[in-house]
Protein backbone atom coordinates (compact mmCIF):
# COMPACT_ATOMS: atom_id res chain seq x y z
CA MET A 1 -14.77 23.66 -20.87
CA ALA A 2 -16.15 20.42 -19.48
CA ILE A 3 -12.72 19.48 -18.08
CA THR A 4 -11.87 22.87 -16.55
CA ALA A 5 -15.19 22.78 -14.69
CA PHE A 6 -13.58 20.41 -12.17
CA HIS A 7 -10.63 22.69 -11.43
CA GLY A 8 -12.41 24.89 -8.91
CA MET A 9 -14.01 22.15 -6.81
CA LYS A 10 -13.87 22.55 -3.03
CA PRO A 11 -11.99 19.84 -1.08
CA GLY A 12 -15.21 18.37 0.32
CA SER A 13 -16.68 18.01 -3.15
CA GLN A 14 -13.40 16.60 -4.40
CA ILE A 15 -13.51 13.79 -1.83
CA ILE A 16 -17.05 12.79 -2.83
CA PHE A 17 -16.21 13.01 -6.51
CA ALA A 18 -12.99 11.03 -5.97
CA ALA A 19 -14.93 8.22 -4.28
CA PHE A 20 -17.28 8.09 -7.28
CA VAL A 21 -14.38 8.01 -9.77
CA ILE A 22 -12.59 5.26 -7.80
CA LEU A 23 -15.71 3.08 -7.75
CA LEU A 24 -16.46 3.70 -11.42
CA SER A 25 -12.86 3.04 -12.42
CA PHE A 26 -12.79 -0.26 -10.54
CA LEU A 27 -16.05 -1.44 -12.11
CA VAL A 28 -14.99 -0.49 -15.64
CA VAL A 29 -11.48 -1.98 -15.37
CA PHE A 30 -12.84 -5.15 -13.76
CA ALA A 31 -15.52 -5.55 -16.45
CA LEU A 32 -12.95 -5.08 -19.22
CA SER A 33 -10.58 -7.58 -17.61
CA VAL A 34 -13.35 -10.17 -17.34
CA ALA A 35 -14.41 -9.58 -20.94
CA ALA A 36 -10.81 -10.02 -22.10
CA LEU A 37 -10.35 -13.25 -20.16
CA VAL A 38 -13.62 -15.09 -20.87
CA PRO A 39 -12.63 -16.21 -24.40
CA ILE A 40 -9.33 -17.57 -23.04
CA VAL A 41 -10.32 -19.25 -19.78
CA GLY A 42 -14.06 -19.69 -19.97
CA LEU A 43 -16.75 -18.21 -17.78
CA SER A 44 -17.29 -21.27 -15.56
CA GLU A 45 -13.60 -21.58 -14.61
CA MET A 46 -13.42 -17.87 -13.91
CA MET A 47 -16.52 -17.88 -11.70
CA SER A 48 -15.17 -20.88 -9.82
CA SER A 49 -11.94 -18.99 -9.11
CA LEU A 50 -13.82 -15.93 -7.88
CA SER A 51 -16.33 -17.88 -5.78
CA GLY A 52 -14.11 -17.81 -2.70
CA ALA A 53 -13.35 -21.52 -2.76
CA GLU A 54 -9.92 -22.54 -1.51
CA PRO A 55 -7.46 -22.11 -4.38
CA THR A 56 -5.53 -25.28 -5.09
CA SER A 57 -4.78 -25.59 -8.80
CA PRO A 58 -2.04 -23.51 -10.46
CA GLN A 59 -4.61 -22.18 -12.94
CA THR A 60 -6.86 -20.90 -10.15
CA ILE A 61 -3.96 -19.20 -8.39
CA ALA A 62 -2.88 -17.64 -11.71
CA LEU A 63 -6.40 -16.26 -12.21
CA LEU A 64 -6.45 -14.82 -8.69
CA LYS A 65 -3.09 -13.16 -9.33
CA TYR A 66 -4.48 -11.71 -12.54
CA PHE A 67 -7.44 -10.20 -10.72
CA GLN A 68 -5.18 -8.95 -7.93
CA VAL A 69 -3.28 -6.90 -10.50
CA VAL A 70 -6.53 -5.77 -12.12
CA GLN A 71 -7.87 -4.66 -8.73
CA SER A 72 -4.77 -2.56 -8.02
CA ILE A 73 -4.91 -0.92 -11.44
CA GLY A 74 -8.65 -0.24 -11.26
CA LEU A 75 -8.72 1.00 -7.66
CA PHE A 76 -5.49 2.99 -7.53
CA VAL A 77 -3.64 3.67 -10.78
CA VAL A 78 -6.43 4.64 -13.17
CA PRO A 79 -8.49 6.82 -10.78
CA SER A 80 -5.35 8.68 -9.67
CA LEU A 81 -4.50 9.65 -13.24
CA VAL A 82 -8.11 10.55 -14.05
CA LEU A 83 -8.56 12.67 -10.92
CA ALA A 84 -5.24 14.46 -11.42
CA TYR A 85 -6.27 15.32 -14.98
CA LEU A 86 -9.73 16.52 -13.97
CA PHE A 87 -8.63 18.50 -10.90
CA GLU A 88 -5.66 20.28 -12.49
CA GLY A 89 -5.06 19.15 -16.05
CA LYS A 90 -1.32 18.72 -15.52
CA VAL A 91 -1.13 15.13 -14.30
CA MET A 92 2.61 14.99 -13.65
CA ALA A 93 2.64 18.24 -11.69
CA TYR A 94 -0.48 17.43 -9.65
CA LEU A 95 0.90 14.05 -8.60
CA ALA A 96 4.42 15.46 -7.96
CA LEU A 97 5.85 13.15 -10.60
CA ASN A 98 7.61 15.99 -12.41
CA LYS A 99 10.26 16.41 -9.71
CA ARG A 100 13.06 13.90 -9.24
CA ALA A 101 14.26 12.97 -5.78
CA GLY A 102 17.98 13.57 -5.35
CA SER A 103 20.34 10.80 -4.31
CA GLU A 104 20.70 12.29 -0.82
CA ALA A 105 16.92 12.39 -0.35
CA ILE A 106 16.63 8.79 -1.57
CA ILE A 107 19.27 7.59 0.89
CA ILE A 108 17.67 9.45 3.81
CA GLY A 109 14.18 8.27 2.87
CA LEU A 110 15.13 4.61 2.54
CA LEU A 111 17.10 4.75 5.79
CA ALA A 112 14.01 6.20 7.51
CA VAL A 113 11.87 3.31 6.25
CA LEU A 114 14.43 0.74 7.39
CA ALA A 115 14.88 2.52 10.73
CA ALA A 116 11.13 2.41 11.31
CA GLY A 117 11.14 -1.39 10.97
CA PRO A 118 11.34 -2.25 14.70
CA LEU A 119 8.60 0.31 15.48
CA VAL A 120 6.35 -1.13 12.77
CA GLY A 121 7.04 -4.66 14.01
CA PHE A 122 6.29 -3.72 17.61
CA LEU A 123 3.03 -2.01 16.64
CA GLY A 124 2.12 -5.03 14.53
CA GLU A 125 2.55 -7.46 17.43
CA TRP A 126 0.65 -5.16 19.80
CA ASN A 127 -2.14 -4.59 17.27
CA GLU A 128 -2.43 -8.32 16.56
CA SER A 129 -2.77 -9.14 20.26
CA MET A 130 -5.61 -6.63 20.78
CA GLN A 131 -8.97 -8.04 21.85
CA LEU A 132 -12.28 -6.32 21.30
CA PRO A 133 -14.97 -6.10 24.00
CA GLU A 134 -17.06 -9.22 24.61
CA PHE A 135 -20.10 -7.83 22.79
CA LEU A 136 -17.94 -7.54 19.64
CA ALA A 137 -16.60 -11.10 19.89
CA GLY A 138 -18.45 -12.20 16.76
CA PHE A 139 -17.09 -9.26 14.80
CA GLU A 140 -13.56 -9.97 16.04
CA SER A 141 -13.87 -13.63 15.05
CA TRP A 142 -15.02 -12.60 11.57
CA MET A 143 -12.11 -10.17 11.17
CA ARG A 144 -9.54 -12.75 12.29
CA SER A 145 -11.03 -15.27 9.88
CA MET A 146 -10.79 -12.75 7.04
CA GLU A 147 -7.16 -11.96 7.87
CA ASP A 148 -6.25 -15.63 8.16
CA SER A 149 -7.77 -16.23 4.72
CA ALA A 150 -5.86 -13.27 3.28
CA ALA A 151 -2.60 -14.50 4.84
CA GLU A 152 -3.18 -17.99 3.43
CA LEU A 153 -3.83 -16.56 -0.03
CA ILE A 154 -0.64 -14.48 0.11
CA ASP A 155 1.25 -17.59 1.19
CA ARG A 156 -0.07 -19.44 -1.86
CA PHE A 157 0.87 -16.49 -4.08
CA ILE A 158 4.42 -16.50 -2.72
CA ARG A 159 4.98 -20.23 -3.30
CA VAL A 160 6.72 -20.13 -6.66
CA GLU A 161 9.58 -22.24 -7.95
CA THR A 162 10.87 -20.14 -10.85
CA THR A 163 12.61 -16.79 -11.14
CA TRP A 164 9.81 -15.57 -13.41
CA GLY A 165 7.28 -16.48 -10.73
CA LEU A 166 9.22 -14.46 -8.15
CA LEU A 167 9.51 -11.50 -10.53
CA PHE A 168 5.77 -11.54 -11.16
CA ASN A 169 5.13 -11.61 -7.40
CA LEU A 170 7.38 -8.57 -7.02
CA PHE A 171 5.43 -6.85 -9.80
CA MET A 172 2.07 -7.76 -8.26
CA ILE A 173 2.87 -7.08 -4.58
CA ALA A 174 5.62 -4.46 -4.75
CA VAL A 175 5.58 -2.52 -8.03
CA ILE A 176 1.87 -2.03 -8.76
CA PRO A 177 0.80 -1.28 -5.13
CA ALA A 178 3.77 1.07 -4.63
CA VAL A 179 2.86 3.10 -7.69
CA GLY A 180 -0.93 2.92 -7.45
CA GLU A 181 -1.41 3.34 -3.69
CA GLU A 182 1.07 6.21 -3.48
CA LEU A 183 -0.49 8.04 -6.42
CA LEU A 184 -3.97 7.75 -4.91
CA PHE A 185 -3.36 8.16 -1.18
CA ARG A 186 -0.40 10.51 -1.19
CA GLY A 187 -0.88 12.15 -4.57
CA VAL A 188 -4.63 12.74 -4.48
CA ILE A 189 -6.23 12.07 -1.08
CA GLN A 190 -3.44 13.57 1.02
CA LYS A 191 -3.47 16.69 -1.16
CA ILE A 192 -7.23 17.07 -0.80
CA PHE A 193 -7.21 16.75 2.99
CA THR A 194 -4.18 19.03 3.28
CA ASN A 195 -6.10 21.69 1.36
CA MET A 196 -9.22 21.02 3.42
CA THR A 197 -7.49 21.31 6.82
CA ARG A 198 -4.76 23.72 5.65
CA ASN A 199 -2.29 21.59 7.58
CA TYR A 200 -0.08 18.98 5.93
CA HIS A 201 0.18 16.95 9.15
CA TRP A 202 -3.59 16.45 9.17
CA GLY A 203 -3.52 15.63 5.47
CA ILE A 204 -0.81 13.02 6.00
CA TRP A 205 -2.45 11.27 8.95
CA ILE A 206 -6.00 11.29 7.55
CA SER A 207 -4.80 9.78 4.28
CA ALA A 208 -2.67 7.26 6.24
CA PHE A 209 -5.76 6.31 8.26
CA LEU A 210 -7.77 5.76 5.07
CA PHE A 211 -4.83 3.95 3.44
CA SER A 212 -4.70 1.45 6.29
CA GLY A 213 -8.48 1.15 6.56
CA LEU A 214 -8.93 0.31 2.88
CA HIS A 215 -6.81 -2.83 3.34
CA MET A 216 -9.57 -4.18 5.62
CA GLN A 217 -7.08 -5.78 8.01
CA PHE A 218 -7.87 -4.52 11.51
CA PHE A 219 -5.09 -6.47 13.23
CA GLY A 220 -2.49 -4.82 11.03
CA PHE A 221 -4.10 -1.38 11.08
CA LEU A 222 -1.61 0.53 13.27
CA PRO A 223 1.66 -0.49 11.60
CA ARG A 224 0.19 0.10 8.15
CA MET A 225 -1.08 3.53 9.18
CA VAL A 226 2.36 4.48 10.53
CA LEU A 227 3.97 3.35 7.28
CA GLY A 228 1.41 5.37 5.33
CA ALA A 229 2.21 8.45 7.39
CA LEU A 230 5.94 7.91 6.84
CA PHE A 231 5.39 7.76 3.09
CA GLY A 232 3.34 10.95 3.36
CA TYR A 233 6.15 12.82 5.11
CA LEU A 234 8.62 11.57 2.51
CA LEU A 235 6.46 13.20 -0.17
CA VAL A 236 6.05 16.50 1.70
CA TYR A 237 9.70 16.82 2.71
CA SER A 238 11.14 15.80 -0.67
CA GLY A 239 8.50 17.29 -2.95
CA SER A 240 8.77 14.24 -5.20
CA MET A 241 6.31 11.37 -5.49
CA TRP A 242 9.13 9.12 -6.64
CA LEU A 243 10.59 8.91 -3.13
CA PRO A 244 7.49 7.44 -1.38
CA ILE A 245 6.93 5.17 -4.39
CA LEU A 246 10.48 3.85 -4.07
CA ALA A 247 10.19 3.51 -0.27
CA HIS A 248 6.87 1.68 -0.60
CA PHE A 249 8.37 -0.62 -3.23
CA VAL A 250 11.41 -1.44 -1.08
CA ASN A 251 9.20 -2.16 1.94
CA ASN A 252 6.92 -4.52 0.02
CA ALA A 253 9.74 -6.12 -1.97
CA LEU A 254 11.68 -6.97 1.18
CA GLY A 255 8.56 -8.68 2.52
CA VAL A 256 8.11 -10.70 -0.68
CA LEU A 257 11.75 -11.75 -0.76
CA ALA A 258 11.72 -12.67 2.94
CA LEU A 259 8.61 -14.84 2.54
CA HIS A 260 10.02 -16.42 -0.61
CA ALA A 261 13.28 -17.28 1.14
CA GLU A 262 11.39 -18.62 4.15
CA ASN A 263 9.23 -20.86 1.97
CA LYS A 264 12.41 -22.08 0.28
CA GLY A 265 13.66 -23.19 3.70
CA SER A 266 16.54 -20.73 3.95
CA GLU A 267 18.32 -21.17 7.30
CA THR A 268 19.80 -17.69 6.97
CA MET A 269 16.34 -16.20 6.52
CA GLU A 270 15.06 -18.10 9.54
CA SER A 271 17.85 -16.60 11.65
CA VAL A 272 17.08 -13.13 10.30
CA ASN A 273 13.37 -13.56 11.13
CA GLN A 274 14.17 -14.67 14.67
CA TYR A 275 16.43 -11.66 15.12
CA ALA A 276 13.76 -9.33 13.67
CA ASP A 277 11.12 -10.79 16.01
CA SER A 278 13.32 -10.19 19.05
CA MET A 279 14.01 -6.63 17.90
CA SER A 280 10.36 -5.77 17.22
CA ALA A 281 9.23 -7.18 20.57
CA SER A 282 11.38 -4.69 22.47
CA VAL A 283 9.79 -1.42 23.62
CA VAL A 284 13.24 0.13 23.83
CA MET A 285 13.98 -0.80 20.22
CA ALA A 286 10.61 0.57 19.11
CA VAL A 287 11.29 3.92 20.82
CA LEU A 288 14.81 4.04 19.40
CA SER A 289 13.40 3.16 15.98
CA LEU A 290 10.92 6.04 16.20
CA ALA A 291 13.63 8.47 17.30
CA ILE A 292 15.97 7.56 14.45
CA ALA A 293 13.16 7.77 11.86
CA LEU A 294 12.14 11.22 13.16
CA VAL A 295 15.73 12.47 13.05
CA LEU A 296 16.08 11.28 9.46
CA LEU A 297 12.81 12.97 8.50
CA HIS A 298 14.08 16.16 10.13
CA PHE A 299 17.24 15.96 8.00
CA LEU A 300 15.11 15.46 4.90
CA LYS A 301 12.98 18.49 5.82
CA LYS A 302 16.05 20.68 6.41
CA ARG A 303 17.52 19.53 3.11
CA GLN A 304 14.40 20.65 1.24
CA ARG A 305 14.50 24.10 2.85
CA ALA A 306 18.22 24.56 2.22
C-alpha cells in the first residue's frame, strides 16, 4: 500500500518528489562510496583530492574518476529506477526499456545524430562567443573559469596510455552518462512534463532545457539542449529507450575517441578536426544539417505509425 500511494501523484507533485529523490539518492550513494573508499585510500588523501586542488598525481586523477562515476550513478541511474518503481511499479515499462528498437530505427536514429553534428558544432561556436551585458561581467568571468577548469579536468581524464585506460574513459564518459542521463531526463522528467503539458514537444524541450542546465556549462548550453531534444524525439518516435541511450553513447564515445587520438598526436585526427571546424562554422552547413536531421526524424515517426 505504501508503494501504490505514489501511483496517483499529479505531475507537479511528481517533479517536486523527483527532485527530493534525486538529492537523497546522490547523498546516500556518495556517502556509501566514501565509506567504502576510506579504508583503502585514507581520509586525508581523499579530502585532498576533493578539495579542488589541481590534480597532478595518477592517484588523485583515479580518485576523481571514481567519484565521477559515483556522481553519475547517484544522480541519474539510481533515482531513475527508484522513481520508475514508485510512480508505476513496472520499471522496465515506465522507462520504455521493455521495447527493443528495430535495426531500421537504429540506423535512422544514429544517422540523425551524425547529421546534426554540423548544427551542434555551429551552435557551440556561437554559444561560446556570446558575451553577457557589462553588469554581468563578473558572473561571465566566473562561468568561463568554471568551464575552463572542467575542460582541463576532462583533458587530464582523457590522457591515458593503455587500452584499459581508454576503455574506462569510455565507460565513465559514454556508457554511464548515456544510460543514466537518458533514464532520468527522457525516461522520467520528459514523461512528467509531457503529462503536465499534454504535449510531447513541450515535454521534450523542457527536459532538454533542464538536461543542458544541469551540466552547469553556460557556453555549451545551446548545443547540449539541441542534442537533448534530439534524444527526446528518438524516444518518442521509436518508443524505445534503447535508441536514445545508444545515440547518446555514440555521441559521447566519438568525442572521447577523438580527444584520445588528438592527445596521441594523430595527424589523421588533426585533419578531421580541421575539416569538422570548417563544416561547423558554416551557416549553410548548419541549416543543411538541421534539414537532414528533421527529415530523418520524420522517417522515424512515419515508421512508428506504419
